[in-house]
Each structure stands twice: as C-alpha cells, then as structure tokens.
Amino acid sequence: MDDIPGTIRENSAVIPGYYRLTVRLERPLGEAVPGQFVMLKVPDREIFLRRPFSIYDARGTTVTVMYRVVGKGTEALSRAGKRAPVMVLGPLGRGFSVPPTGVCLVVAGGIGYAGVRMLLKRLGKRAVLFLGISGRTELPLLSDLKGIEVLTATLDGSHGYHGNVVSLLKEHLASYRSQGPTVFACGPRGMIVSLKGLLDADKVPCQVSVEERMACGLGLCFGCVAETKDEINPLKRVCKEGPVFDLWELSL
C-alpha cells in the first residue's frame, strides 16, 4: 500500500482543541469500512512519524478526520493551513461488523465520537448514540450529525445525564433488550473496562475500537498490541488485527 499525496482543503476548530481536517487526495482512498483509520504525515519537518486518525468520512478523493490536540504532532497539524501538502496512507485496520438486524447502541467518550461517526452515518435510524463529554461546550462536536437519536452524559451536569456515559447506558439498557442490541464503543480504556462490567452478566454482543499509540500502522513494528484471550497468540496488533475487537476477546 502506497501513500497518497493530497492537500488540505479544510483544517478548522470545531470547538477549542478539537479540529476537523479534510484532505483532497490525488486519487481515491478506496472503500473504507467504519472503524478503519489512516496514517497521516504531518506537514512539519520536525514530525517524523505519521499519526493515526480514525476515518471520520471518506468520499471519492476526499477524506476527513477529527482530532484533539494532545501533543507535538497534533499541535503542529492544527497549524497547517489550507493547501498544505500531506501524505495519507489507508484505509488501514479492521473495522466494525454490522449485524443484519437489531438495534445498535453506539457508545462514545469524548474524541471517541470521531471513531464512530462513520458507523453512525452508515447505521442511520438503527443507531442510538450514547455520548460522554465533559460539558455542554462540547456539543458542537455533533454539529454535522443528523437523524440519529442521541443521549448525552456530561461530567459537569450541564446537559443531559449527570455522570459518565456507561452509567447513562446502564439507565437505558433494559429497554433495548427485546430489540436484540449490539453495542459498539470507542473511548478511553477506563470507559471500555466499565462497559465490560456492565455487559458481562448477559454477554451482550459488543465491538470496541481500541486506542493505542502506533508507529507504522502496517503491523510491521509490533509497537501497538492489545492482550487477548487467545491462548496461542494473545498479543494482537491494534493496527492490523484491530483497531476493532470483539469485547469478549480482550483481556481487560
């Protein structure tokens, strides 16, 4: 798989610290599955390694990601202007597998929304989004999401449920049991661990997108691994065998 040259079409702040980046590519990225990601070369000579980003949207010769500024790489990326040249490698990894029937409960924590937004668009009215954010100031992250039922948990109690998103799901889970629910999730490890505890009694089908630092994105360096219950080969590469895993295969 080769890098695809492109230029930045848009790189704007959605809210302070969160950016939406759209790149126009010289050729189509190829068919992307919700949950897959790209490795993007930041247009800054001081940033050597590519950075991984979930595919927020992909259409023809454009690809969009959403990112939060958390370090040197994303801080440099946030300064990149329109028409700046970039290199994009992808689509990479294993994405979500959507069941043919049943309601789909999608759980996202913070920037984890970027990892499920493409899935939500694919699911349409079959989906219910459970979103966990710090406060109502982060609600504009959903500004381009239409036609999806959204239940929100805020840590400061400024909008929706006062608490974390897994506690919010616990409040509603029983009402969906008759609809054969499948849960999809993307967020920090603590959220995934709590989610496993909630779903454990009934082993509700659940797929999770695992967050992990990556170097190559191609499975060559074994720098990003997740521990699983596979007795023969427990360490799986997040960039190759993931980033989406069956929750019940993971050792958490």
C-alpha atoms as a PDB file:
ATOM      1  CA  MET A   1       0.000   0.000   0.000  1.00  0.00           C
ATOM      2  CA  ASP A   2       1.376   3.406  -1.004  1.00  0.00           C
ATOM      3  CA  ASP A   3       0.991   6.886   0.430  1.00  0.00           C
ATOM      4  CA  ILE A   4      -1.487   9.037  -1.441  1.00  0.00           C
ATOM      5  CA  PRO A   5      -0.429  12.678  -1.876  1.00  0.00           C
ATOM      6  CA  GLY A   6      -3.022  15.281  -1.041  1.00  0.00           C
ATOM      7  CA  THR A   7      -3.609  18.870   0.015  1.00  0.00           C
ATOM      8  CA  ILE A   8      -5.505  20.249   2.966  1.00  0.00           C
ATOM      9  CA  ARG A   9      -8.912  21.533   1.981  1.00  0.00           C
ATOM     10  CA  GLU A  10     -10.099  22.457   5.483  1.00  0.00           C
ATOM     11  CA  ASN A  11      -8.488  22.406   8.926  1.00  0.00           C
ATOM     12  CA  SER A  12     -10.713  24.261  11.331  1.00  0.00           C
ATOM     13  CA  ALA A  13     -11.525  24.188  15.029  1.00  0.00           C
ATOM     14  CA  VAL A  14     -14.934  22.716  15.857  1.00  0.00           C
ATOM     15  CA  ILE A  15     -14.501  23.717  19.494  1.00  0.00           C
ATOM     16  CA  PRO A  16     -11.300  24.820  21.248  1.00  0.00           C
ATOM     17  CA  GLY A  17      -8.781  21.985  20.991  1.00  0.00           C
ATOM     18  CA  TYR A  18     -10.811  19.857  18.549  1.00  0.00           C
ATOM     19  CA  TYR A  19     -10.255  20.123  14.795  1.00  0.00           C
ATOM     20  CA  ARG A  20     -11.889  18.746  11.661  1.00  0.00           C
ATOM     21  CA  LEU A  21      -9.425  18.157   8.811  1.00  0.00           C
ATOM     22  CA  THR A  22     -10.428  17.423   5.210  1.00  0.00           C
ATOM     23  CA  VAL A  23      -7.825  16.378   2.632  1.00  0.00           C
ATOM     24  CA  ARG A  24      -8.292  16.294  -1.121  1.00  0.00           C
ATOM     25  CA  LEU A  25      -6.334  13.333  -2.490  1.00  0.00           C
ATOM     26  CA  GLU A  26      -4.707  12.854  -5.881  1.00  0.00           C
ATOM     27  CA  ARG A  27      -6.618   9.569  -6.222  1.00  0.00           C
ATOM     28  CA  PRO A  28      -9.438   7.848  -4.304  1.00  0.00           C
ATOM     29  CA  LEU A  29      -8.618   6.351  -0.932  1.00  0.00           C
ATOM     30  CA  GLY A  30     -10.557   3.189  -1.699  1.00  0.00           C
ATOM     31  CA  GLU A  31     -13.597   1.741   0.037  1.00  0.00           C
ATOM     32  CA  ALA A  32     -13.347   2.358   3.763  1.00  0.00           C
ATOM     33  CA  VAL A  33     -15.149   0.380   6.466  1.00  0.00           C
ATOM     34  CA  PRO A  34     -16.407   2.274   9.545  1.00  0.00           C
ATOM     35  CA  GLY A  35     -13.802   1.913  12.269  1.00  0.00           C
ATOM     36  CA  GLN A  36     -10.793   1.861   9.955  1.00  0.00           C
ATOM     37  CA  PHE A  37      -8.110   4.552  10.108  1.00  0.00           C
ATOM     38  CA  VAL A  38      -5.447   6.371   8.107  1.00  0.00           C
ATOM     39  CA  MET A  39      -1.839   7.245   8.864  1.00  0.00           C
ATOM     40  CA  LEU A  40      -1.226  10.897   8.055  1.00  0.00           C
ATOM     41  CA  LYS A  41       2.138  12.573   7.525  1.00  0.00           C
ATOM     42  CA  VAL A  42       2.010  15.871   9.381  1.00  0.00           C
ATOM     43  CA  PRO A  43       3.312  18.711   7.171  1.00  0.00           C
ATOM     44  CA  ASP A  44       6.118  19.645   9.562  1.00  0.00           C
ATOM     45  CA  ARG A  45       9.761  18.593   9.145  1.00  0.00           C
ATOM     46  CA  GLU A  46      10.161  18.124  12.895  1.00  0.00           C
ATOM     47  CA  ILE A  47       7.417  15.451  12.986  1.00  0.00           C
ATOM     48  CA  PHE A  48       8.934  12.233  11.650  1.00  0.00           C
ATOM     49  CA  LEU A  49       6.353   9.543  12.385  1.00  0.00           C
ATOM     50  CA  ARG A  50       2.908   9.540  10.815  1.00  0.00           C
ATOM     51  CA  ARG A  51      -0.067   9.933  13.118  1.00  0.00           C
ATOM     52  CA  PRO A  52      -3.102   7.581  13.129  1.00  0.00           C
ATOM     53  CA  PHE A  53      -6.602   9.037  12.793  1.00  0.00           C
ATOM     54  CA  SER A  54      -9.976   7.309  12.590  1.00  0.00           C
ATOM     55  CA  ILE A  55     -11.727   7.914   9.289  1.00  0.00           C
ATOM     56  CA  TYR A  56     -14.468  10.418  10.035  1.00  0.00           C
ATOM     57  CA  ASP A  57     -15.708  10.476   6.452  1.00  0.00           C
ATOM     58  CA  ALA A  58     -14.423   9.342   3.050  1.00  0.00           C
ATOM     59  CA  ARG A  59     -15.950  10.211  -0.301  1.00  0.00           C
ATOM     60  CA  GLY A  60     -14.165   9.756  -3.601  1.00  0.00           C
ATOM     61  CA  THR A  61     -10.960  11.743  -3.465  1.00  0.00           C
ATOM     62  CA  THR A  62     -11.599  13.390  -0.088  1.00  0.00           C
ATOM     63  CA  VAL A  63     -11.033  12.031   3.400  1.00  0.00           C
ATOM     64  CA  THR A  64     -11.941  13.724   6.677  1.00  0.00           C
ATOM     65  CA  VAL A  65     -10.662  13.135  10.206  1.00  0.00           C
ATOM     66  CA  MET A  66     -11.428  14.792  13.522  1.00  0.00           C
ATOM     67  CA  TYR A  67      -8.660  15.138  16.099  1.00  0.00           C
ATOM     68  CA  ARG A  68      -7.944  16.598  19.500  1.00  0.00           C
ATOM     69  CA  VAL A  69      -4.713  18.482  20.137  1.00  0.00           C
ATOM     70  CA  VAL A  70      -2.868  16.352  22.698  1.00  0.00           C
ATOM     71  CA  GLY A  71       0.830  16.510  21.772  1.00  0.00           C
ATOM     72  CA  LYS A  72       3.522  17.841  19.479  1.00  0.00           C
ATOM     73  CA  GLY A  73       2.195  16.107  16.351  1.00  0.00           C
ATOM     74  CA  THR A  74      -1.432  17.207  16.610  1.00  0.00           C
ATOM     75  CA  GLU A  75      -0.374  20.673  17.737  1.00  0.00           C
ATOM     76  CA  ALA A  76       1.735  21.005  14.577  1.00  0.00           C
ATOM     77  CA  LEU A  77      -1.135  19.649  12.488  1.00  0.00           C
ATOM     78  CA  SER A  78      -3.517  22.254  13.922  1.00  0.00           C
ATOM     79  CA  ARG A  79      -1.267  24.991  12.484  1.00  0.00           C
ATOM     80  CA  ALA A  80      -1.305  23.551   8.950  1.00  0.00           C
ATOM     81  CA  GLY A  81      -3.126  25.820   6.549  1.00  0.00           C
ATOM     82  CA  LYS A  82      -5.293  25.336   3.503  1.00  0.00           C
ATOM     83  CA  ARG A  83      -3.494  23.778   0.505  1.00  0.00           C
ATOM     84  CA  ALA A  84      -0.645  22.467   2.679  1.00  0.00           C
ATOM     85  CA  PRO A  85       0.671  19.169   1.219  1.00  0.00           C
ATOM     86  CA  VAL A  86       0.121  15.950   3.188  1.00  0.00           C
ATOM     87  CA  MET A  87       0.539  12.214   2.635  1.00  0.00           C
ATOM     88  CA  VAL A  88      -2.225   9.763   3.578  1.00  0.00           C
ATOM     89  CA  LEU A  89      -1.838   6.001   3.995  1.00  0.00           C
ATOM     90  CA  GLY A  90      -5.004   3.923   4.218  1.00  0.00           C
ATOM     91  CA  PRO A  91      -7.616   2.698   4.763  1.00  0.00           C
ATOM     92  CA  LEU A  92      -5.983   0.538   7.432  1.00  0.00           C
ATOM     93  CA  GLY A  93      -7.013  -1.983  10.066  1.00  0.00           C
ATOM     94  CA  ARG A  94     -10.150  -3.964  10.791  1.00  0.00           C
ATOM     95  CA  GLY A  95     -13.388  -2.022  11.127  1.00  0.00           C
ATOM     96  CA  PHE A  96     -16.799  -2.653  12.658  1.00  0.00           C
ATOM     97  CA  SER A  97     -19.005  -5.529  11.509  1.00  0.00           C
ATOM     98  CA  VAL A  98     -22.662  -4.534  11.443  1.00  0.00           C
ATOM     99  CA  PRO A  99     -25.270  -7.232  12.203  1.00  0.00           C
ATOM    100  CA  PRO A 100     -28.186  -7.523   9.757  1.00  0.00           C
ATOM    101  CA  THR A 101     -30.844  -6.930  12.402  1.00  0.00           C
ATOM    102  CA  GLY A 102     -31.321  -5.404  15.831  1.00  0.00           C
ATOM    103  CA  VAL A 103     -30.806  -2.008  17.422  1.00  0.00           C
ATOM    104  CA  CYS A 104     -27.237  -0.659  17.503  1.00  0.00           C
ATOM    105  CA  LEU A 105     -26.188   1.141  20.686  1.00  0.00           C
ATOM    106  CA  VAL A 106     -23.109   3.249  19.985  1.00  0.00           C
ATOM    107  CA  VAL A 107     -21.089   4.450  22.983  1.00  0.00           C
ATOM    108  CA  ALA A 108     -18.523   7.212  22.515  1.00  0.00           C
ATOM    109  CA  GLY A 109     -16.377   9.030  25.028  1.00  0.00           C
ATOM    110  CA  GLY A 110     -15.084  12.461  24.002  1.00  0.00           C
ATOM    111  CA  ILE A 111     -12.965  12.323  20.846  1.00  0.00           C
ATOM    112  CA  GLY A 112     -14.082   8.685  20.590  1.00  0.00           C
ATOM    113  CA  TYR A 113     -17.001  10.176  18.649  1.00  0.00           C
ATOM    114  CA  ALA A 114     -14.607  10.578  15.700  1.00  0.00           C
ATOM    115  CA  GLY A 115     -14.106   6.809  15.668  1.00  0.00           C
ATOM    116  CA  VAL A 116     -17.826   6.014  15.393  1.00  0.00           C
ATOM    117  CA  ARG A 117     -19.162   8.901  13.313  1.00  0.00           C
ATOM    118  CA  MET A 118     -18.791   7.000  10.025  1.00  0.00           C
ATOM    119  CA  LEU A 119     -20.519   3.999  11.640  1.00  0.00           C
ATOM    120  CA  LEU A 120     -23.405   6.205  12.780  1.00  0.00           C
ATOM    121  CA  LYS A 121     -23.866   7.572   9.273  1.00  0.00           C
ATOM    122  CA  ARG A 122     -23.909   4.015   7.905  1.00  0.00           C
ATOM    123  CA  LEU A 123     -26.431   2.794  10.504  1.00  0.00           C
ATOM    124  CA  GLY A 124     -28.826   5.729  10.252  1.00  0.00           C
ATOM    125  CA  LYS A 125     -32.018   5.270  12.269  1.00  0.00           C
ATOM    126  CA  ARG A 126     -30.890   1.848  13.519  1.00  0.00           C
ATOM    127  CA  ALA A 127     -28.422   3.621  15.817  1.00  0.00           C
ATOM    128  CA  VAL A 128     -28.724   5.248  19.216  1.00  0.00           C
ATOM    129  CA  LEU A 129     -25.684   7.279  20.251  1.00  0.00           C
ATOM    130  CA  PHE A 130     -24.683   7.422  23.914  1.00  0.00           C
ATOM    131  CA  LEU A 131     -22.200  10.296  24.094  1.00  0.00           C
ATOM    132  CA  GLY A 132     -19.997  11.066  27.071  1.00  0.00           C
ATOM    133  CA  ILE A 133     -18.467  14.553  27.209  1.00  0.00           C
ATOM    134  CA  SER A 134     -17.156  16.964  29.839  1.00  0.00           C
ATOM    135  CA  GLY A 135     -19.876  19.569  29.403  1.00  0.00           C
ATOM    136  CA  ARG A 136     -22.318  21.215  27.027  1.00  0.00           C
ATOM    137  CA  THR A 137     -19.482  23.227  25.423  1.00  0.00           C
ATOM    138  CA  GLU A 138     -18.521  20.005  23.590  1.00  0.00           C
ATOM    139  CA  LEU A 139     -21.957  19.504  21.997  1.00  0.00           C
ATOM    140  CA  PRO A 140     -20.870  21.230  18.730  1.00  0.00           C
ATOM    141  CA  LEU A 141     -18.812  18.096  18.008  1.00  0.00           C
ATOM    142  CA  LEU A 142     -22.132  16.680  16.747  1.00  0.00           C
ATOM    143  CA  SER A 143     -22.933  19.676  14.544  1.00  0.00           C
ATOM    144  CA  ASP A 144     -22.905  17.658  11.313  1.00  0.00           C
ATOM    145  CA  LEU A 145     -24.726  14.572  12.637  1.00  0.00           C
ATOM    146  CA  LYS A 146     -28.394  14.463  11.674  1.00  0.00           C
ATOM    147  CA  GLY A 147     -31.196  11.915  12.026  1.00  0.00           C
ATOM    148  CA  ILE A 148     -29.626   9.960  14.920  1.00  0.00           C
ATOM    149  CA  GLU A 149     -31.103   9.629  18.396  1.00  0.00           C
ATOM    150  CA  VAL A 150     -28.543  10.989  20.877  1.00  0.00           C
ATOM    151  CA  LEU A 151     -28.440  10.549  24.654  1.00  0.00           C
ATOM    152  CA  THR A 152     -25.786  12.651  26.357  1.00  0.00           C
ATOM    153  CA  ALA A 153     -23.892  12.326  29.637  1.00  0.00           C
ATOM    154  CA  THR A 154     -21.864  15.275  30.929  1.00  0.00           C
ATOM    155  CA  LEU A 155     -19.420  15.087  33.780  1.00  0.00           C
ATOM    156  CA  ASP A 156     -20.337  18.586  34.969  1.00  0.00           C
ATOM    157  CA  GLY A 157     -24.098  18.029  34.662  1.00  0.00           C
ATOM    158  CA  SER A 158     -24.543  20.938  32.245  1.00  0.00           C
ATOM    159  CA  HIS A 159     -26.515  18.868  29.699  1.00  0.00           C
ATOM    160  CA  GLY A 160     -28.397  15.585  29.781  1.00  0.00           C
ATOM    161  CA  TYR A 161     -27.412  12.921  32.308  1.00  0.00           C
ATOM    162  CA  HIS A 162     -25.065  13.997  35.091  1.00  0.00           C
ATOM    163  CA  GLY A 163     -22.330  11.357  35.170  1.00  0.00           C
ATOM    164  CA  ASN A 164     -20.336   9.119  32.870  1.00  0.00           C
ATOM    165  CA  VAL A 165     -21.604   7.579  29.657  1.00  0.00           C
ATOM    166  CA  VAL A 166     -21.516   3.947  30.866  1.00  0.00           C
ATOM    167  CA  SER A 167     -23.778   4.876  33.786  1.00  0.00           C
ATOM    168  CA  LEU A 168     -26.103   6.522  31.272  1.00  0.00           C
ATOM    169  CA  LEU A 169     -26.201   3.334  29.192  1.00  0.00           C
ATOM    170  CA  LYS A 170     -26.981   1.352  32.346  1.00  0.00           C
ATOM    171  CA  GLU A 171     -30.068   3.521  32.885  1.00  0.00           C
ATOM    172  CA  HIS A 172     -31.448   2.585  29.440  1.00  0.00           C
ATOM    173  CA  LEU A 173     -30.042  -0.836  28.557  1.00  0.00           C
ATOM    174  CA  ALA A 174     -33.016  -2.870  29.802  1.00  0.00           C
ATOM    175  CA  SER A 175     -35.398  -1.008  27.486  1.00  0.00           C
ATOM    176  CA  TYR A 176     -33.464  -2.259  24.438  1.00  0.00           C
ATOM    177  CA  ARG A 177     -33.051  -5.925  25.387  1.00  0.00           C
ATOM    178  CA  SER A 178     -36.100  -7.075  23.410  1.00  0.00           C
ATOM    179  CA  GLN A 179     -34.622  -5.484  20.245  1.00  0.00           C
ATOM    180  CA  GLY A 180     -31.552  -7.728  20.135  1.00  0.00           C
ATOM    181  CA  PRO A 181     -28.995  -4.961  20.793  1.00  0.00           C
ATOM    182  CA  THR A 182     -25.401  -4.860  19.636  1.00  0.00           C
ATOM    183  CA  VAL A 183     -23.113  -2.383  21.365  1.00  0.00           C
ATOM    184  CA  PHE A 184     -20.315  -0.512  19.578  1.00  0.00           C
ATOM    185  CA  ALA A 185     -17.849   1.615  21.506  1.00  0.00           C
ATOM    186  CA  CYS A 186     -14.879   3.928  21.115  1.00  0.00           C
ATOM    187  CA  GLY A 187     -13.254   5.718  24.008  1.00  0.00           C
ATOM    188  CA  PRO A 188     -10.586   5.558  26.710  1.00  0.00           C
ATOM    189  CA  ARG A 189      -9.596   2.274  28.346  1.00  0.00           C
ATOM    190  CA  GLY A 190     -11.401   3.123  31.586  1.00  0.00           C
ATOM    191  CA  MET A 191     -14.667   3.500  29.686  1.00  0.00           C
ATOM    192  CA  ILE A 192     -14.165   0.150  27.935  1.00  0.00           C
ATOM    193  CA  VAL A 193     -13.420  -1.618  31.238  1.00  0.00           C
ATOM    194  CA  SER A 194     -16.575  -0.157  32.796  1.00  0.00           C
ATOM    195  CA  LEU A 195     -18.588  -1.136  29.745  1.00  0.00           C
ATOM    196  CA  LYS A 196     -17.383  -4.727  30.015  1.00  0.00           C
ATOM    197  CA  GLY A 197     -18.507  -4.812  33.634  1.00  0.00           C
ATOM    198  CA  LEU A 198     -21.957  -3.571  32.688  1.00  0.00           C
ATOM    199  CA  LEU A 199     -22.466  -6.022  29.817  1.00  0.00           C
ATOM    200  CA  ASP A 200     -20.826  -9.037  31.436  1.00  0.00           C
ATOM    201  CA  ALA A 201     -23.912 -10.611  33.025  1.00  0.00           C
ATOM    202  CA  ASP A 202     -25.724 -11.115  29.700  1.00  0.00           C
ATOM    203  CA  LYS A 203     -22.653 -11.064  27.405  1.00  0.00           C
ATOM    204  CA  VAL A 204     -24.335  -8.514  25.147  1.00  0.00           C
ATOM    205  CA  PRO A 205     -22.588  -8.552  21.736  1.00  0.00           C
ATOM    206  CA  CYS A 206     -20.101  -5.702  21.742  1.00  0.00           C
ATOM    207  CA  GLN A 207     -17.369  -4.427  19.425  1.00  0.00           C
ATOM    208  CA  VAL A 208     -14.850  -1.856  20.649  1.00  0.00           C
ATOM    209  CA  SER A 209     -12.324   0.334  18.880  1.00  0.00           C
ATOM    210  CA  VAL A 210      -9.105   0.191  20.874  1.00  0.00           C
ATOM    211  CA  GLU A 211      -6.973   3.312  21.282  1.00  0.00           C
ATOM    212  CA  GLU A 212      -3.219   2.703  21.127  1.00  0.00           C
ATOM    213  CA  ARG A 213      -0.074   4.559  20.065  1.00  0.00           C
ATOM    214  CA  MET A 214       1.136   3.476  16.615  1.00  0.00           C
ATOM    215  CA  ALA A 215       4.379   3.845  14.701  1.00  0.00           C
ATOM    216  CA  CYS A 216       3.920   2.214  11.290  1.00  0.00           C
ATOM    217  CA  GLY A 217       0.203   1.370  11.071  1.00  0.00           C
ATOM    218  CA  LEU A 218       1.003  -1.696   8.955  1.00  0.00           C
ATOM    219  CA  GLY A 219       1.673  -4.334  11.594  1.00  0.00           C
ATOM    220  CA  LEU A 220       5.417  -4.440  10.939  1.00  0.00           C
ATOM    221  CA  CYS A 221       6.838  -2.968  14.139  1.00  0.00           C
ATOM    222  CA  PHE A 222       4.573  -4.646  16.746  1.00  0.00           C
ATOM    223  CA  GLY A 223       4.590  -1.342  18.617  1.00  0.00           C
ATOM    224  CA  CYS A 224       0.839  -1.356  19.253  1.00  0.00           C
ATOM    225  CA  VAL A 225      -0.500  -4.512  20.858  1.00  0.00           C
ATOM    226  CA  ALA A 226      -3.604  -5.476  22.815  1.00  0.00           C
ATOM    227  CA  GLU A 227      -3.759  -8.518  25.066  1.00  0.00           C
ATOM    228  CA  THR A 228      -6.473 -11.013  24.192  1.00  0.00           C
ATOM    229  CA  LYS A 229      -7.713 -14.375  25.474  1.00  0.00           C
ATOM    230  CA  ASP A 230      -6.171 -16.240  22.544  1.00  0.00           C
ATOM    231  CA  GLU A 231      -4.111 -18.935  24.304  1.00  0.00           C
ATOM    232  CA  ILE A 232      -1.768 -19.439  21.348  1.00  0.00           C
ATOM    233  CA  ASN A 233      -1.156 -15.824  20.308  1.00  0.00           C
ATOM    234  CA  PRO A 234      -2.566 -13.482  22.964  1.00  0.00           C
ATOM    235  CA  LEU A 235      -0.898 -10.265  21.747  1.00  0.00           C
ATOM    236  CA  LYS A 236      -2.728  -8.785  18.762  1.00  0.00           C
ATOM    237  CA  ARG A 237      -1.599  -5.797  16.722  1.00  0.00           C
ATOM    238  CA  VAL A 238      -4.102  -2.980  17.096  1.00  0.00           C
ATOM    239  CA  CYS A 239      -3.236  -1.616  13.647  1.00  0.00           C
ATOM    240  CA  LYS A 240      -3.687  -4.977  11.899  1.00  0.00           C
ATOM    241  CA  GLU A 241      -5.962  -7.324  13.871  1.00  0.00           C
ATOM    242  CA  GLY A 242      -7.752  -4.222  15.177  1.00  0.00           C
ATOM    243  CA  PRO A 243      -8.413  -1.472  15.955  1.00  0.00           C
ATOM    244  CA  VAL A 244     -11.886  -3.010  16.302  1.00  0.00           C
ATOM    245  CA  PHE A 245     -12.074  -6.099  18.526  1.00  0.00           C
ATOM    246  CA  ASP A 246     -14.843  -8.216  19.977  1.00  0.00           C
ATOM    247  CA  LEU A 247     -15.029  -7.017  23.583  1.00  0.00           C
ATOM    248  CA  TRP A 248     -15.197 -10.584  24.875  1.00  0.00           C
ATOM    249  CA  GLU A 249     -11.920 -11.491  23.179  1.00  0.00           C
ATOM    250  CA  LEU A 250      -9.964  -8.808  25.046  1.00  0.00           C
ATOM    251  CA  SER A 251      -8.189  -9.244  28.379  1.00  0.00           C
ATOM    252  CA  LEU A 252      -9.058  -6.152  30.381  1.00  0.00           C
END
